[in-house]
Each structure stands twice: as C-alpha cells, then as structure tokens.
C-alpha cells in the first residue's frame, strides 16, 4: 500500500505497489502522475460499475496542461473518508476526452 497526501484537497491516495508497477508497464502511467487528475479543477467523476462488492469510479482530468488521463478508483467510505484507492490509470480514450471536453459547452 502506498500513501501520498495531496495537500490541495486533503486527500490521501493509496494503491498496491505491485498493481502500480503493472499499470506502469501496461499503460505507461505512474500512479503518482495519476494523482494530479484531482488537481484539475475541471476534472469529472463518473460511476463505472460495482466489482468485488465496491463501487468503481472514473476520474477524468487534465494533467500538467497537456494530458487527459482516466483514473479508475474507489471513493472514500466510512473511516477512510479522505482516502482514495487508485486501481488503474491510463490515457483517456477518445470518448472519455469528448466527455471531459463537453463540460465546457
């Protein structure tokens, strides 16, 4: 498990180190970079599905002004109300980019 505090929004991000390494190999996106999606004031959160008795969500946002990422994660619950667990992260698909950009319309 990895903890990192995003001091701008007081959120603790956590993840499994093995899953983070596998994600980096597969998608070329580090979870440390994925955290920056929450720094985008225009990021959106979209419900994905239930899996393994938990809700999965997509955060879609602009990172460093040049890259739109999609981050699959869980939302804070119960005692972990400030903790977001990152499950995977990748470059946004064309449809996800359109959804993100459509909020400006």
C-alpha atoms as a PDB file:
ATOM      1  CA  UNK A   1       0.000   0.000   0.000  1.00  0.00           C
ATOM      2  CA  UNK A   2       1.270   3.475  -0.826  1.00  0.00           C
ATOM      3  CA  UNK A   3       0.046   6.637   0.833  1.00  0.00           C
ATOM      4  CA  UNK A   4       0.525  10.115  -0.521  1.00  0.00           C
ATOM      5  CA  UNK A   5      -1.152  13.295   0.615  1.00  0.00           C
ATOM      6  CA  UNK A   6      -2.440  15.766  -1.937  1.00  0.00           C
ATOM      7  CA  UNK A   7      -2.344  18.839   0.277  1.00  0.00           C
ATOM      8  CA  UNK A   8      -4.513  20.906  -2.066  1.00  0.00           C
ATOM      9  CA  UNK A   9      -7.606  18.835  -1.324  1.00  0.00           C
ATOM     10  CA  UNK A  10      -6.527  16.895   1.773  1.00  0.00           C
ATOM     11  CA  UNK A  11      -6.957  13.530   0.108  1.00  0.00           C
ATOM     12  CA  UNK A  12      -4.830  10.500   0.827  1.00  0.00           C
ATOM     13  CA  UNK A  13      -4.163   8.379  -2.241  1.00  0.00           C
ATOM     14  CA  UNK A  14      -3.288   4.732  -1.763  1.00  0.00           C
ATOM     15  CA  UNK A  15      -2.591   1.812  -4.015  1.00  0.00           C
ATOM     16  CA  UNK A  16      -0.996  -1.578  -4.231  1.00  0.00           C
ATOM     17  CA  UNK A  17       2.653  -1.249  -5.299  1.00  0.00           C
ATOM     18  CA  UNK A  18       2.523  -4.394  -7.479  1.00  0.00           C
ATOM     19  CA  UNK A  19      -0.577  -3.101  -9.259  1.00  0.00           C
ATOM     20  CA  UNK A  20       1.110   0.292  -9.742  1.00  0.00           C
ATOM     21  CA  UNK A  21       4.141  -1.368 -11.335  1.00  0.00           C
ATOM     22  CA  UNK A  22       1.928  -3.465 -13.620  1.00  0.00           C
ATOM     23  CA  UNK A  23      -0.047  -0.359 -14.610  1.00  0.00           C
ATOM     24  CA  UNK A  24       3.162   1.494 -15.467  1.00  0.00           C
ATOM     25  CA  UNK A  25       4.286  -1.395 -17.697  1.00  0.00           C
ATOM     26  CA  UNK A  26       0.908  -1.740 -19.419  1.00  0.00           C
ATOM     27  CA  UNK A  27      -0.282   1.886 -19.722  1.00  0.00           C
ATOM     28  CA  UNK A  28       2.938   3.876 -19.172  1.00  0.00           C
ATOM     29  CA  UNK A  29       1.212   5.967 -16.485  1.00  0.00           C
ATOM     30  CA  UNK A  30       2.572   6.125 -12.938  1.00  0.00           C
ATOM     31  CA  UNK A  31       0.032   6.370 -10.135  1.00  0.00           C
ATOM     32  CA  UNK A  32       1.977   9.365  -8.788  1.00  0.00           C
ATOM     33  CA  UNK A  33       1.149  11.139 -12.055  1.00  0.00           C
ATOM     34  CA  UNK A  34      -2.456   9.920 -11.913  1.00  0.00           C
ATOM     35  CA  UNK A  35      -2.952  11.713  -8.573  1.00  0.00           C
ATOM     36  CA  UNK A  36      -2.607  15.011 -10.425  1.00  0.00           C
ATOM     37  CA  UNK A  37      -6.018  14.485 -12.064  1.00  0.00           C
ATOM     38  CA  UNK A  38      -7.545  15.727  -8.787  1.00  0.00           C
ATOM     39  CA  UNK A  39      -5.548  18.970  -9.101  1.00  0.00           C
ATOM     40  CA  UNK A  40      -7.553  19.816 -12.236  1.00  0.00           C
ATOM     41  CA  UNK A  41     -10.485  21.968 -11.041  1.00  0.00           C
ATOM     42  CA  UNK A  42     -12.472  20.773 -14.080  1.00  0.00           C
ATOM     43  CA  UNK A  43     -11.928  17.034 -13.502  1.00  0.00           C
ATOM     44  CA  UNK A  44     -15.044  14.891 -13.598  1.00  0.00           C
ATOM     45  CA  UNK A  45     -16.019  11.788 -11.642  1.00  0.00           C
ATOM     46  CA  UNK A  46     -18.122   9.168 -13.442  1.00  0.00           C
ATOM     47  CA  UNK A  47     -19.603   5.977 -11.981  1.00  0.00           C
ATOM     48  CA  UNK A  48     -18.228   2.880 -13.699  1.00  0.00           C
ATOM     49  CA  UNK A  49     -19.522  -0.291 -12.044  1.00  0.00           C
ATOM     50  CA  UNK A  50     -19.696  -2.491  -8.949  1.00  0.00           C
ATOM     51  CA  UNK A  51     -16.886  -5.002  -8.686  1.00  0.00           C
ATOM     52  CA  UNK A  52     -15.892  -7.161  -5.711  1.00  0.00           C
ATOM     53  CA  UNK A  53     -18.604  -5.510  -3.572  1.00  0.00           C
ATOM     54  CA  UNK A  54     -17.272  -1.993  -4.128  1.00  0.00           C
ATOM     55  CA  UNK A  55     -18.113   0.920  -6.365  1.00  0.00           C
ATOM     56  CA  UNK A  56     -15.609   1.715  -9.114  1.00  0.00           C
ATOM     57  CA  UNK A  57     -15.382   5.254 -10.434  1.00  0.00           C
ATOM     58  CA  UNK A  58     -13.510   7.025 -13.235  1.00  0.00           C
ATOM     59  CA  UNK A  59     -11.852  10.367 -12.638  1.00  0.00           C
ATOM     60  CA  UNK A  60     -11.102  12.126 -15.925  1.00  0.00           C
ATOM     61  CA  UNK A  61      -8.911  15.194 -15.878  1.00  0.00           C
ATOM     62  CA  UNK A  62      -6.137  17.220 -17.419  1.00  0.00           C
ATOM     63  CA  UNK A  63      -2.631  16.677 -16.057  1.00  0.00           C
ATOM     64  CA  UNK A  64       0.115  19.254 -16.479  1.00  0.00           C
ATOM     65  CA  UNK A  65      -1.992  21.054 -19.063  1.00  0.00           C
ATOM     66  CA  UNK A  66      -1.280  18.515 -21.802  1.00  0.00           C
ATOM     67  CA  UNK A  67      -2.508  15.011 -20.955  1.00  0.00           C
ATOM     68  CA  UNK A  68      -6.059  13.854 -20.229  1.00  0.00           C
ATOM     69  CA  UNK A  69      -5.989  10.781 -18.000  1.00  0.00           C
ATOM     70  CA  UNK A  70      -8.662   8.396 -16.782  1.00  0.00           C
ATOM     71  CA  UNK A  71      -8.102   7.004 -13.298  1.00  0.00           C
ATOM     72  CA  UNK A  72     -10.148   4.057 -12.039  1.00  0.00           C
ATOM     73  CA  UNK A  73     -10.567   4.354  -8.282  1.00  0.00           C
ATOM     74  CA  UNK A  74     -12.786   3.835  -5.273  1.00  0.00           C
ATOM     75  CA  UNK A  75     -14.364   6.719  -3.394  1.00  0.00           C
ATOM     76  CA  UNK A  76     -13.806   7.341   0.305  1.00  0.00           C
ATOM     77  CA  UNK A  77     -16.160   5.465   2.627  1.00  0.00           C
ATOM     78  CA  UNK A  78     -16.644   5.134   6.365  1.00  0.00           C
ATOM     79  CA  UNK A  79     -13.479   5.640   8.394  1.00  0.00           C
ATOM     80  CA  UNK A  80     -11.486   6.242   5.199  1.00  0.00           C
ATOM     81  CA  UNK A  81     -13.425   9.372   4.231  1.00  0.00           C
ATOM     82  CA  UNK A  82     -10.268  11.077   2.915  1.00  0.00           C
ATOM     83  CA  UNK A  83      -8.727   8.037   1.247  1.00  0.00           C
ATOM     84  CA  UNK A  84      -8.970   7.259  -2.475  1.00  0.00           C
ATOM     85  CA  UNK A  85      -7.596   3.936  -3.698  1.00  0.00           C
ATOM     86  CA  UNK A  86      -6.240   4.084  -7.241  1.00  0.00           C
ATOM     87  CA  UNK A  87      -6.847   0.868  -9.170  1.00  0.00           C
ATOM     88  CA  UNK A  88      -5.572   1.804 -12.634  1.00  0.00           C
ATOM     89  CA  UNK A  89      -4.656   4.843 -14.735  1.00  0.00           C
ATOM     90  CA  UNK A  90      -4.312   5.376 -18.460  1.00  0.00           C
ATOM     91  CA  UNK A  91      -4.593   7.958 -21.193  1.00  0.00           C
ATOM     92  CA  UNK A  92      -8.245   8.811 -21.773  1.00  0.00           C
ATOM     93  CA  UNK A  93      -9.989   7.235 -24.742  1.00  0.00           C
ATOM     94  CA  UNK A  94     -11.460   9.439 -27.475  1.00  0.00           C
ATOM     95  CA  UNK A  95     -14.933   9.101 -25.914  1.00  0.00           C
ATOM     96  CA  UNK A  96     -13.601   9.988 -22.453  1.00  0.00           C
ATOM     97  CA  UNK A  97     -11.805  13.044 -23.861  1.00  0.00           C
ATOM     98  CA  UNK A  98     -15.039  14.160 -25.543  1.00  0.00           C
ATOM     99  CA  UNK A  99     -16.949  13.725 -22.289  1.00  0.00           C
ATOM    100  CA  UNK A 100     -14.350  15.779 -20.416  1.00  0.00           C
ATOM    101  CA  UNK A 101     -14.254  18.499 -23.073  1.00  0.00           C
ATOM    102  CA  UNK A 102     -18.078  18.609 -23.372  1.00  0.00           C
ATOM    103  CA  UNK A 103     -18.403  20.180 -19.936  1.00  0.00           C
ATOM    104  CA  UNK A 104     -17.166  23.446 -21.490  1.00  0.00           C
ATOM    105  CA  UNK A 105     -20.221  23.563 -23.772  1.00  0.00           C
END
